[in-house]
Amino acid sequence: MKAGDKVLIAESCSHHSQDDDIARVKIPKWLNDKVGGGLMIETSAGRDYPENLEEYKLIVHCGACTLNRREMLLRQAVPAEKGIPMTNFGVLISYLHGVFPRALKPFGIE
């Protein structure tokens, strides 16, 4: 990823954001810190993705606690059909904070 790339942070529920909201404050800051700034980060909340999904280089999805399995599989299939990489909040945070390699070590993956 590089400056100018668009990232979508997608939440499946709609809620009132807090001052230090993870989707609107923390993840955008951590992503920009990782790439040196300049990412264009947008958020979406609720049932549907934005119509311009093809513009995004990455989708970061919440844990989907308000969705059932079928709904989440559909939310994964849409970006996959368009070739857009997708991850979730937990995996991304683990990666950005250097924990991901250690979490994979018990599985023989380094």
PDB file of N, CA and C in Angstrom:
ATOM      1  N   MET A   1       0.835  -1.171   0.000  1.00  0.00           N
ATOM      2  CA  MET A   1       0.000   0.000   0.000  1.00  0.00           C
ATOM      3  C   MET A   1       0.886   1.242   0.000  1.00  0.00           C
ATOM      4  N   LYS A   2       0.321   2.302  -0.585  1.00  0.00           N
ATOM      5  CA  LYS A   2       1.091   3.541  -0.692  1.00  0.00           C
ATOM      6  C   LYS A   2       0.149   4.736  -0.585  1.00  0.00           C
ATOM      7  N   ALA A   3       0.733   5.892  -0.421  1.00  0.00           N
ATOM      8  CA  ALA A   3      -0.051   7.123  -0.345  1.00  0.00           C
ATOM      9  C   ALA A   3      -0.975   7.218  -1.551  1.00  0.00           C
ATOM     10  N   GLY A   4      -2.199   7.642  -1.310  1.00  0.00           N
ATOM     11  CA  GLY A   4      -3.186   7.770  -2.374  1.00  0.00           C
ATOM     12  C   GLY A   4      -4.092   6.568  -2.532  1.00  0.00           C
ATOM     13  N   ASP A   5      -3.675   5.398  -2.010  1.00  0.00           N
ATOM     14  CA  ASP A   5      -4.530   4.211  -2.073  1.00  0.00           C
ATOM     15  C   ASP A   5      -5.749   4.409  -1.185  1.00  0.00           C
ATOM     16  N   LYS A   6      -6.888   3.862  -1.649  1.00  0.00           N
ATOM     17  CA  LYS A   6      -8.124   3.951  -0.884  1.00  0.00           C
ATOM     18  C   LYS A   6      -8.343   2.673  -0.084  1.00  0.00           C
ATOM     19  N   VAL A   7      -8.704   2.846   1.166  1.00  0.00           N
ATOM     20  CA  VAL A   7      -8.998   1.738   2.066  1.00  0.00           C
ATOM     21  C   VAL A   7     -10.418   1.929   2.587  1.00  0.00           C
ATOM     22  N   LEU A   8     -11.186   0.844   2.599  1.00  0.00           N
ATOM     23  CA  LEU A   8     -12.529   0.892   3.173  1.00  0.00           C
ATOM     24  C   LEU A   8     -12.517   0.154   4.497  1.00  0.00           C
ATOM     25  N   ILE A   9     -12.970   0.827   5.522  1.00  0.00           N
ATOM     26  CA  ILE A   9     -13.173   0.181   6.806  1.00  0.00           C
ATOM     27  C   ILE A   9     -14.673  -0.020   6.942  1.00  0.00           C
ATOM     28  N   ALA A  10     -15.091  -1.290   6.902  1.00  0.00           N
ATOM     29  CA  ALA A  10     -16.513  -1.636   6.862  1.00  0.00           C
ATOM     30  C   ALA A  10     -16.974  -2.209   8.193  1.00  0.00           C
ATOM     31  N   GLU A  11     -18.049  -1.648   8.676  1.00  0.00           N
ATOM     32  CA  GLU A  11     -18.687  -2.164   9.886  1.00  0.00           C
ATOM     33  C   GLU A  11     -20.069  -2.661   9.499  1.00  0.00           C
ATOM     34  N   SER A  12     -20.454  -3.793  10.051  1.00  0.00           N
ATOM     35  CA  SER A  12     -21.748  -4.357   9.684  1.00  0.00           C
ATOM     36  C   SER A  12     -22.897  -3.737  10.460  1.00  0.00           C
ATOM     37  N   CYS A  13     -22.622  -3.140  11.572  1.00  0.00           N
ATOM     38  CA  CYS A  13     -23.688  -2.502  12.342  1.00  0.00           C
ATOM     39  C   CYS A  13     -23.538  -0.984  12.251  1.00  0.00           C
ATOM     40  N   SER A  14     -24.577  -0.308  12.616  1.00  0.00           N
ATOM     41  CA  SER A  14     -24.469   1.147  12.703  1.00  0.00           C
ATOM     42  C   SER A  14     -24.596   1.496  14.185  1.00  0.00           C
ATOM     43  N   HIS A  15     -23.645   2.219  14.683  1.00  0.00           N
ATOM     44  CA  HIS A  15     -23.631   2.595  16.090  1.00  0.00           C
ATOM     45  C   HIS A  15     -23.063   4.003  16.204  1.00  0.00           C
ATOM     46  N   HIS A  16     -23.192   4.567  17.360  1.00  0.00           N
ATOM     47  CA  HIS A  16     -22.633   5.890  17.589  1.00  0.00           C
ATOM     48  C   HIS A  16     -21.137   5.739  17.836  1.00  0.00           C
ATOM     49  N   SER A  17     -20.338   6.437  17.062  1.00  0.00           N
ATOM     50  CA  SER A  17     -18.888   6.325  17.239  1.00  0.00           C
ATOM     51  C   SER A  17     -18.454   7.093  18.483  1.00  0.00           C
ATOM     52  N   GLN A  18     -17.392   6.614  19.072  1.00  0.00           N
ATOM     53  CA  GLN A  18     -16.824   7.225  20.269  1.00  0.00           C
ATOM     54  C   GLN A  18     -15.659   8.123  19.877  1.00  0.00           C
ATOM     55  N   ASP A  19     -15.148   8.893  20.833  1.00  0.00           N
ATOM     56  CA  ASP A  19     -14.045   9.812  20.556  1.00  0.00           C
ATOM     57  C   ASP A  19     -12.811   9.100  20.001  1.00  0.00           C
ATOM     58  N   ASP A  20     -12.513   7.915  20.501  1.00  0.00           N
ATOM     59  CA  ASP A  20     -11.332   7.181  20.081  1.00  0.00           C
ATOM     60  C   ASP A  20     -11.750   5.891  19.367  1.00  0.00           C
ATOM     61  N   ASP A  21     -12.717   6.008  18.480  1.00  0.00           N
ATOM     62  CA  ASP A  21     -13.318   4.882  17.777  1.00  0.00           C
ATOM     63  C   ASP A  21     -12.270   4.077  17.011  1.00  0.00           C
ATOM     64  N   ILE A  22     -12.370   2.764  17.098  1.00  0.00           N
ATOM     65  CA  ILE A  22     -11.381   1.905  16.460  1.00  0.00           C
ATOM     66  C   ILE A  22     -11.422   2.010  14.935  1.00  0.00           C
ATOM     67  N   ALA A  23     -12.619   2.110  14.351  1.00  0.00           N
ATOM     68  CA  ALA A  23     -12.738   2.138  12.892  1.00  0.00           C
ATOM     69  C   ALA A  23     -12.451   3.507  12.299  1.00  0.00           C
ATOM     70  N   ARG A  24     -12.728   4.543  13.034  1.00  0.00           N
ATOM     71  CA  ARG A  24     -12.608   5.894  12.483  1.00  0.00           C
ATOM     72  C   ARG A  24     -11.368   6.645  12.944  1.00  0.00           C
ATOM     73  N   VAL A  25     -10.730   6.154  14.014  1.00  0.00           N
ATOM     74  CA  VAL A  25      -9.561   6.852  14.556  1.00  0.00           C
ATOM     75  C   VAL A  25      -8.334   5.931  14.618  1.00  0.00           C
ATOM     76  N   LYS A  26      -8.450   4.860  15.351  1.00  0.00           N
ATOM     77  CA  LYS A  26      -7.270   4.020  15.618  1.00  0.00           C
ATOM     78  C   LYS A  26      -6.742   3.305  14.375  1.00  0.00           C
ATOM     79  N   ILE A  27      -7.589   2.536  13.681  1.00  0.00           N
ATOM     80  CA  ILE A  27      -7.119   1.792  12.514  1.00  0.00           C
ATOM     81  C   ILE A  27      -6.597   2.726  11.426  1.00  0.00           C
ATOM     82  N   PRO A  28      -7.287   3.825  11.105  1.00  0.00           N
ATOM     83  CA  PRO A  28      -6.714   4.739  10.114  1.00  0.00           C
ATOM     84  C   PRO A  28      -5.337   5.276  10.518  1.00  0.00           C
ATOM     85  N   LYS A  29      -5.176   5.603  11.791  1.00  0.00           N
ATOM     86  CA  LYS A  29      -3.874   6.096  12.261  1.00  0.00           C
ATOM     87  C   LYS A  29      -2.806   5.024  12.119  1.00  0.00           C
ATOM     88  N   TRP A  30      -3.095   3.816  12.565  1.00  0.00           N
ATOM     89  CA  TRP A  30      -2.112   2.735  12.501  1.00  0.00           C
ATOM     90  C   TRP A  30      -1.757   2.387  11.056  1.00  0.00           C
ATOM     91  N   LEU A  31      -2.741   2.359  10.162  1.00  0.00           N
ATOM     92  CA  LEU A  31      -2.461   2.081   8.752  1.00  0.00           C
ATOM     93  C   LEU A  31      -1.579   3.167   8.143  1.00  0.00           C
ATOM     94  N   ASN A  32      -1.912   4.412   8.396  1.00  0.00           N
ATOM     95  CA  ASN A  32      -1.110   5.516   7.866  1.00  0.00           C
ATOM     96  C   ASN A  32       0.294   5.514   8.451  1.00  0.00           C
ATOM     97  N   ASP A  33       0.420   5.180   9.738  1.00  0.00           N
ATOM     98  CA  ASP A  33       1.746   5.064  10.341  1.00  0.00           C
ATOM     99  C   ASP A  33       2.571   4.004   9.628  1.00  0.00           C
ATOM    100  N   LYS A  34       1.949   2.888   9.278  1.00  0.00           N
ATOM    101  CA  LYS A  34       2.649   1.771   8.637  1.00  0.00           C
ATOM    102  C   LYS A  34       3.160   2.136   7.246  1.00  0.00           C
ATOM    103  N   VAL A  35       2.358   2.869   6.477  1.00  0.00           N
ATOM    104  CA  VAL A  35       2.736   3.167   5.087  1.00  0.00           C
ATOM    105  C   VAL A  35       3.366   4.548   4.920  1.00  0.00           C
ATOM    106  N   GLY A  36       3.470   5.299   5.994  1.00  0.00           N
ATOM    107  CA  GLY A  36       4.076   6.624   5.900  1.00  0.00           C
ATOM    108  C   GLY A  36       3.096   7.739   5.575  1.00  0.00           C
ATOM    109  N   GLY A  37       1.797   7.459   5.709  1.00  0.00           N
ATOM    110  CA  GLY A  37       0.783   8.487   5.520  1.00  0.00           C
ATOM    111  C   GLY A  37       0.226   8.536   4.118  1.00  0.00           C
ATOM    112  N   GLY A  38      -0.827   9.319   3.970  1.00  0.00           N
ATOM    113  CA  GLY A  38      -1.398   9.586   2.670  1.00  0.00           C
ATOM    114  C   GLY A  38      -2.463   8.627   2.184  1.00  0.00           C
ATOM    115  N   LEU A  39      -2.844   7.640   3.008  1.00  0.00           N
ATOM    116  CA  LEU A  39      -3.922   6.742   2.586  1.00  0.00           C
ATOM    117  C   LEU A  39      -5.246   7.494   2.614  1.00  0.00           C
ATOM    118  N   MET A  40      -6.116   7.145   1.706  1.00  0.00           N
ATOM    119  CA  MET A  40      -7.469   7.706   1.679  1.00  0.00           C
ATOM    120  C   MET A  40      -8.377   6.657   2.324  1.00  0.00           C
ATOM    121  N   ILE A  41      -8.758   6.903   3.563  1.00  0.00           N
ATOM    122  CA  ILE A  41      -9.507   5.915   4.320  1.00  0.00           C
ATOM    123  C   ILE A  41     -10.945   6.380   4.488  1.00  0.00           C
ATOM    124  N   GLU A  42     -11.860   5.489   4.115  1.00  0.00           N
ATOM    125  CA  GLU A  42     -13.285   5.768   4.246  1.00  0.00           C
ATOM    126  C   GLU A  42     -13.917   4.670   5.089  1.00  0.00           C
ATOM    127  N   THR A  43     -15.009   5.004   5.734  1.00  0.00           N
ATOM    128  CA  THR A  43     -15.728   4.014   6.521  1.00  0.00           C
ATOM    129  C   THR A  43     -17.141   3.850   5.978  1.00  0.00           C
ATOM    130  N   SER A  44     -17.665   2.664   6.168  1.00  0.00           N
ATOM    131  CA  SER A  44     -19.066   2.416   5.858  1.00  0.00           C
ATOM    132  C   SER A  44     -19.645   1.612   7.005  1.00  0.00           C
ATOM    133  N   ALA A  45     -20.893   1.862   7.290  1.00  0.00           N
ATOM    134  CA  ALA A  45     -21.570   1.139   8.364  1.00  0.00           C
ATOM    135  C   ALA A  45     -22.924   0.688   7.855  1.00  0.00           C
ATOM    136  N   GLY A  46     -23.303  -0.486   8.266  1.00  0.00           N
ATOM    137  CA  GLY A  46     -24.600  -0.997   7.869  1.00  0.00           C
ATOM    138  C   GLY A  46     -24.509  -2.147   6.895  1.00  0.00           C
ATOM    139  N   ARG A  47     -25.610  -2.399   6.249  1.00  0.00           N
ATOM    140  CA  ARG A  47     -25.783  -3.598   5.442  1.00  0.00           C
ATOM    141  C   ARG A  47     -25.003  -3.637   4.137  1.00  0.00           C
ATOM    142  N   ASP A  48     -24.880  -2.525   3.456  1.00  0.00           N
ATOM    143  CA  ASP A  48     -24.322  -2.532   2.106  1.00  0.00           C
ATOM    144  C   ASP A  48     -22.949  -1.876   2.023  1.00  0.00           C
ATOM    145  N   TYR A  49     -22.169  -2.332   1.042  1.00  0.00           N
ATOM    146  CA  TYR A  49     -20.910  -1.680   0.709  1.00  0.00           C
ATOM    147  C   TYR A  49     -21.200  -0.461  -0.162  1.00  0.00           C
ATOM    148  N   PRO A  50     -20.254   0.459  -0.251  1.00  0.00           N
ATOM    149  CA  PRO A  50     -20.411   1.565  -1.201  1.00  0.00           C
ATOM    150  C   PRO A  50     -20.447   1.026  -2.639  1.00  0.00           C
ATOM    151  N   GLU A  51     -21.090   1.758  -3.533  1.00  0.00           N
ATOM    152  CA  GLU A  51     -21.195   1.316  -4.928  1.00  0.00           C
ATOM    153  C   GLU A  51     -19.860   1.344  -5.654  1.00  0.00           C
ATOM    154  N   ASN A  52     -18.921   2.156  -5.194  1.00  0.00           N
ATOM    155  CA  ASN A  52     -17.624   2.312  -5.853  1.00  0.00           C
ATOM    156  C   ASN A  52     -16.570   1.352  -5.291  1.00  0.00           C
ATOM    157  N   LEU A  53     -16.961   0.154  -4.938  1.00  0.00           N
ATOM    158  CA  LEU A  53     -16.079  -0.795  -4.259  1.00  0.00           C
ATOM    159  C   LEU A  53     -14.775  -1.046  -5.018  1.00  0.00           C
ATOM    160  N   GLU A  54     -14.813  -0.989  -6.337  1.00  0.00           N
ATOM    161  CA  GLU A  54     -13.634  -1.265  -7.158  1.00  0.00           C
ATOM    162  C   GLU A  54     -12.495  -0.274  -6.912  1.00  0.00           C
ATOM    163  N   GLU A  55     -12.793   0.866  -6.319  1.00  0.00           N
ATOM    164  CA  GLU A  55     -11.778   1.895  -6.078  1.00  0.00           C
ATOM    165  C   GLU A  55     -10.864   1.577  -4.899  1.00  0.00           C
ATOM    166  N   TYR A  56     -11.247   0.623  -4.081  1.00  0.00           N
ATOM    167  CA  TYR A  56     -10.499   0.343  -2.850  1.00  0.00           C
ATOM    168  C   TYR A  56      -9.410  -0.693  -3.081  1.00  0.00           C
ATOM    169  N   LYS A  57      -8.257  -0.465  -2.467  1.00  0.00           N
ATOM    170  CA  LYS A  57      -7.132  -1.404  -2.538  1.00  0.00           C
ATOM    171  C   LYS A  57      -7.216  -2.455  -1.434  1.00  0.00           C
ATOM    172  N   LEU A  58      -7.995  -2.151  -0.378  1.00  0.00           N
ATOM    173  CA  LEU A  58      -8.123  -3.051   0.770  1.00  0.00           C
ATOM    174  C   LEU A  58      -9.434  -2.759   1.471  1.00  0.00           C
ATOM    175  N   ILE A  59     -10.067  -3.832   1.972  1.00  0.00           N
ATOM    176  CA  ILE A  59     -11.233  -3.694   2.829  1.00  0.00           C
ATOM    177  C   ILE A  59     -10.879  -4.299   4.179  1.00  0.00           C
ATOM    178  N   VAL A  60     -11.120  -3.535   5.222  1.00  0.00           N
ATOM    179  CA  VAL A  60     -10.920  -4.005   6.590  1.00  0.00           C
ATOM    180  C   VAL A  60     -12.310  -4.088   7.210  1.00  0.00           C
ATOM    181  N   HIS A  61     -12.726  -5.297   7.582  1.00  0.00           N
ATOM    182  CA  HIS A  61     -14.079  -5.511   8.078  1.00  0.00           C
ATOM    183  C   HIS A  61     -14.064  -5.741   9.585  1.00  0.00           C
ATOM    184  N   CYS A  62     -15.122  -5.311  10.222  1.00  0.00           N
ATOM    185  CA  CYS A  62     -15.266  -5.542  11.656  1.00  0.00           C
ATOM    186  C   CYS A  62     -15.442  -7.038  11.927  1.00  0.00           C
ATOM    187  N   GLY A  63     -15.611  -7.393  13.168  1.00  0.00           N
ATOM    188  CA  GLY A  63     -15.789  -8.791  13.555  1.00  0.00           C
ATOM    189  C   GLY A  63     -17.140  -9.373  13.204  1.00  0.00           C
ATOM    190  N   ALA A  64     -18.046  -8.564  12.695  1.00  0.00           N
ATOM    191  CA  ALA A  64     -19.353  -9.004  12.201  1.00  0.00           C
ATOM    192  C   ALA A  64     -20.209  -9.670  13.278  1.00  0.00           C
ATOM    193  N   CYS A  65     -20.179  -9.130  14.472  1.00  0.00           N
ATOM    194  CA  CYS A  65     -20.946  -9.744  15.566  1.00  0.00           C
ATOM    195  C   CYS A  65     -22.457  -9.636  15.356  1.00  0.00           C
ATOM    196  N   THR A  66     -22.908  -8.751  14.486  1.00  0.00           N
ATOM    197  CA  THR A  66     -24.349  -8.619  14.242  1.00  0.00           C
ATOM    198  C   THR A  66     -24.812  -9.427  13.031  1.00  0.00           C
ATOM    199  N   LEU A  67     -23.885 -10.119  12.368  1.00  0.00           N
ATOM    200  CA  LEU A  67     -24.234 -10.882  11.163  1.00  0.00           C
ATOM    201  C   LEU A  67     -24.241 -12.381  11.437  1.00  0.00           C
ATOM    202  N   ASN A  68     -25.015 -13.106  10.645  1.00  0.00           N
ATOM    203  CA  ASN A  68     -24.924 -14.561  10.708  1.00  0.00           C
ATOM    204  C   ASN A  68     -23.872 -15.019   9.698  1.00  0.00           C
ATOM    205  N   ARG A  69     -23.576 -16.294   9.702  1.00  0.00           N
ATOM    206  CA  ARG A  69     -22.522 -16.831   8.840  1.00  0.00           C
ATOM    207  C   ARG A  69     -22.797 -16.554   7.366  1.00  0.00           C
ATOM    208  N   ARG A  70     -24.021 -16.778   6.943  1.00  0.00           N
ATOM    209  CA  ARG A  70     -24.381 -16.586   5.540  1.00  0.00           C
ATOM    210  C   ARG A  70     -24.164 -15.144   5.089  1.00  0.00           C
ATOM    211  N   GLU A  71     -24.567 -14.200   5.920  1.00  0.00           N
ATOM    212  CA  GLU A  71     -24.392 -12.786   5.572  1.00  0.00           C
ATOM    213  C   GLU A  71     -22.913 -12.414   5.471  1.00  0.00           C
ATOM    214  N   MET A  72     -22.105 -12.936   6.380  1.00  0.00           N
ATOM    215  CA  MET A  72     -20.676 -12.602   6.339  1.00  0.00           C
ATOM    216  C   MET A  72     -20.000 -13.242   5.143  1.00  0.00           C
ATOM    217  N   LEU A  73     -20.394 -14.456   4.797  1.00  0.00           N
ATOM    218  CA  LEU A  73     -19.823 -15.091   3.605  1.00  0.00           C
ATOM    219  C   LEU A  73     -20.147 -14.281   2.359  1.00  0.00           C
ATOM    220  N   LEU A  74     -21.337 -13.721   2.293  1.00  0.00           N
ATOM    221  CA  LEU A  74     -21.698 -12.864   1.164  1.00  0.00           C
ATOM    222  C   LEU A  74     -20.847 -11.594   1.163  1.00  0.00           C
ATOM    223  N   ARG A  75     -20.638 -11.008   2.334  1.00  0.00           N
ATOM    224  CA  ARG A  75     -19.820  -9.794   2.423  1.00  0.00           C
ATOM    225  C   ARG A  75     -18.369 -10.086   2.026  1.00  0.00           C
ATOM    226  N   GLN A  76     -17.914 -11.314   2.213  1.00  0.00           N
ATOM    227  CA  GLN A  76     -16.573 -11.702   1.777  1.00  0.00           C
ATOM    228  C   GLN A  76     -16.537 -11.990   0.283  1.00  0.00           C
ATOM    229  N   ALA A  77     -17.610 -12.545  -0.246  1.00  0.00           N
ATOM    230  CA  ALA A  77     -17.648 -12.940  -1.655  1.00  0.00           C
ATOM    231  C   ALA A  77     -17.641 -11.740  -2.597  1.00  0.00           C
ATOM    232  N   VAL A  78     -18.310 -10.680  -2.219  1.00  0.00           N
ATOM    233  CA  VAL A  78     -18.402  -9.504  -3.099  1.00  0.00           C
ATOM    234  C   VAL A  78     -17.014  -8.931  -3.405  1.00  0.00           C
ATOM    235  N   PRO A  79     -16.183  -8.608  -2.403  1.00  0.00           N
ATOM    236  CA  PRO A  79     -14.841  -8.113  -2.730  1.00  0.00           C
ATOM    237  C   PRO A  79     -13.975  -9.170  -3.416  1.00  0.00           C
ATOM    238  N   ALA A  80     -14.138 -10.432  -3.035  1.00  0.00           N
ATOM    239  CA  ALA A  80     -13.335 -11.499  -3.651  1.00  0.00           C
ATOM    240  C   ALA A  80     -13.598 -11.564  -5.147  1.00  0.00           C
ATOM    241  N   GLU A  81     -14.849 -11.415  -5.570  1.00  0.00           N
ATOM    242  CA  GLU A  81     -15.189 -11.431  -6.995  1.00  0.00           C
ATOM    243  C   GLU A  81     -14.539 -10.273  -7.747  1.00  0.00           C
ATOM    244  N   LYS A  82     -14.276  -9.189  -7.045  1.00  0.00           N
ATOM    245  CA  LYS A  82     -13.688  -7.998  -7.657  1.00  0.00           C
ATOM    246  C   LYS A  82     -12.167  -7.950  -7.469  1.00  0.00           C
ATOM    247  N   GLY A  83     -11.615  -8.982  -6.806  1.00  0.00           N
ATOM    248  CA  GLY A  83     -10.174  -9.045  -6.597  1.00  0.00           C
ATOM    249  C   GLY A  83      -9.653  -8.072  -5.550  1.00  0.00           C
ATOM    250  N   ILE A  84     -10.505  -7.689  -4.621  1.00  0.00           N
ATOM    251  CA  ILE A  84     -10.107  -6.743  -3.581  1.00  0.00           C
ATOM    252  C   ILE A  84      -9.754  -7.519  -2.319  1.00  0.00           C
ATOM    253  N   PRO A  85      -8.528  -7.379  -1.821  1.00  0.00           N
ATOM    254  CA  PRO A  85      -8.149  -8.075  -0.588  1.00  0.00           C
ATOM    255  C   PRO A  85      -8.986  -7.582   0.592  1.00  0.00           C
ATOM    256  N   MET A  86      -9.241  -8.497   1.511  1.00  0.00           N
ATOM    257  CA  MET A  86     -10.058  -8.175   2.672  1.00  0.00           C
ATOM    258  C   MET A  86      -9.479  -8.851   3.903  1.00  0.00           C
ATOM    259  N   THR A  87      -9.503  -8.152   5.005  1.00  0.00           N
ATOM    260  CA  THR A  87      -9.099  -8.716   6.280  1.00  0.00           C
ATOM    261  C   THR A  87     -10.061  -8.195   7.334  1.00  0.00           C
ATOM    262  N   ASN A  88      -9.875  -8.632   8.562  1.00  0.00           N
ATOM    263  CA  ASN A  88     -10.739  -8.112   9.618  1.00  0.00           C
ATOM    264  C   ASN A  88      -9.926  -7.288  10.622  1.00  0.00           C
ATOM    265  N   PHE A  89     -10.640  -6.618  11.495  1.00  0.00           N
ATOM    266  CA  PHE A  89      -9.983  -5.732  12.459  1.00  0.00           C
ATOM    267  C   PHE A  89      -8.902  -6.468  13.249  1.00  0.00           C
ATOM    268  N   GLY A  90      -9.228  -7.640  13.782  1.00  0.00           N
ATOM    269  CA  GLY A  90      -8.300  -8.362  14.642  1.00  0.00           C
ATOM    270  C   GLY A  90      -7.019  -8.780  13.950  1.00  0.00           C
ATOM    271  N   VAL A  91      -7.139  -9.337  12.758  1.00  0.00           N
ATOM    272  CA  VAL A  91      -5.952  -9.771  12.013  1.00  0.00           C
ATOM    273  C   VAL A  91      -5.096  -8.554  11.654  1.00  0.00           C
ATOM    274  N   LEU A  92      -5.730  -7.480  11.192  1.00  0.00           N
ATOM    275  CA  LEU A  92      -4.979  -6.277  10.825  1.00  0.00           C
ATOM    276  C   LEU A  92      -4.256  -5.683  12.025  1.00  0.00           C
ATOM    277  N   ILE A  93      -4.940  -5.557  13.140  1.00  0.00           N
ATOM    278  CA  ILE A  93      -4.328  -4.982  14.342  1.00  0.00           C
ATOM    279  C   ILE A  93      -3.163  -5.849  14.799  1.00  0.00           C
ATOM    280  N   SER A  94      -3.349  -7.151  14.759  1.00  0.00           N
ATOM    281  CA  SER A  94      -2.281  -8.079  15.133  1.00  0.00           C
ATOM    282  C   SER A  94      -1.062  -7.897  14.230  1.00  0.00           C
ATOM    283  N   TYR A  95      -1.297  -7.761  12.933  1.00  0.00           N
ATOM    284  CA  TYR A  95      -0.212  -7.557  11.973  1.00  0.00           C
ATOM    285  C   TYR A  95       0.486  -6.207  12.203  1.00  0.00           C
ATOM    286  N   LEU A  96      -0.294  -5.145  12.326  1.00  0.00           N
ATOM    287  CA  LEU A  96       0.281  -3.803  12.463  1.00  0.00           C
ATOM    288  C   LEU A  96       1.081  -3.625  13.748  1.00  0.00           C
ATOM    289  N   HIS A  97       0.750  -4.408  14.767  1.00  0.00           N
ATOM    290  CA  HIS A  97       1.458  -4.305  16.040  1.00  0.00           C
ATOM    291  C   HIS A  97       2.522  -5.389  16.222  1.00  0.00           C
ATOM    292  N   GLY A  98       2.797  -6.137  15.154  1.00  0.00           N
ATOM    293  CA  GLY A  98       3.888  -7.112  15.189  1.00  0.00           C
ATOM    294  C   GLY A  98       3.574  -8.411  15.907  1.00  0.00           C
ATOM    295  N   VAL A  99       2.325  -8.672  16.211  1.00  0.00           N
ATOM    296  CA  VAL A  99       1.938  -9.868  16.952  1.00  0.00           C
ATOM    297  C   VAL A  99       1.637 -11.039  16.013  1.00  0.00           C
ATOM    298  N   PHE A 100       1.272 -10.757  14.793  1.00  0.00           N
ATOM    299  CA  PHE A 100       0.811 -11.778  13.854  1.00  0.00           C
ATOM    300  C   PHE A 100       1.810 -12.918  13.660  1.00  0.00           C
ATOM    301  N   PRO A 101       3.085 -12.645  13.406  1.00  0.00           N
ATOM    302  CA  PRO A 101       4.033 -13.765  13.233  1.00  0.00           C
ATOM    303  C   PRO A 101       4.102 -14.676  14.461  1.00  0.00           C
ATOM    304  N   ARG A 102       4.055 -14.088  15.633  1.00  0.00           N
ATOM    305  CA  ARG A 102       4.106 -14.888  16.861  1.00  0.00           C
ATOM    306  C   ARG A 102       2.838 -15.732  17.011  1.00  0.00           C
ATOM    307  N   ALA A 103       1.700 -15.193  16.592  1.00  0.00           N
ATOM    308  CA  ALA A 103       0.445 -15.935  16.679  1.00  0.00           C
ATOM    309  C   ALA A 103       0.435 -17.134  15.727  1.00  0.00           C
ATOM    310  N   LEU A 104       1.141 -17.047  14.617  1.00  0.00           N
ATOM    311  CA  LEU A 104       1.184 -18.136  13.645  1.00  0.00           C
ATOM    312  C   LEU A 104       2.238 -19.196  13.967  1.00  0.00           C
ATOM    313  N   LYS A 105       3.179 -18.856  14.809  1.00  0.00           N
ATOM    314  CA  LYS A 105       4.307 -19.746  15.107  1.00  0.00           C
ATOM    315  C   LYS A 105       3.882 -21.151  15.559  1.00  0.00           C
ATOM    316  N   PRO A 106       2.857 -21.309  16.436  1.00  0.00           N
ATOM    317  CA  PRO A 106       2.453 -22.663  16.845  1.00  0.00           C
ATOM    318  C   PRO A 106       1.982 -23.531  15.679  1.00  0.00           C
ATOM    319  N   PHE A 107       1.619 -22.923  14.577  1.00  0.00           N
ATOM    320  CA  PHE A 107       1.139 -23.661  13.414  1.00  0.00           C
ATOM    321  C   PHE A 107       2.253 -23.931  12.397  1.00  0.00           C
ATOM    322  N   GLY A 108       3.483 -23.598  12.775  1.00  0.00           N
ATOM    323  CA  GLY A 108       4.622 -23.833  11.898  1.00  0.00           C
ATOM    324  C   GLY A 108       4.721 -22.847  10.752  1.00  0.00           C
ATOM    325  N   ILE A 109       4.032 -21.721  10.859  1.00  0.00           N
ATOM    326  CA  ILE A 109       4.041 -20.698   9.810  1.00  0.00           C
ATOM    327  C   ILE A 109       4.860 -19.519  10.311  1.00  0.00           C
ATOM    328  N   GLU A 110       5.838 -19.138   9.546  1.00  0.00           N
ATOM    329  CA  GLU A 110       6.644 -17.986   9.955  1.00  0.00           C
ATOM    330  C   GLU A 110       6.823 -17.025   8.828  1.00  0.00           C
TER     331      GLU A 110
END
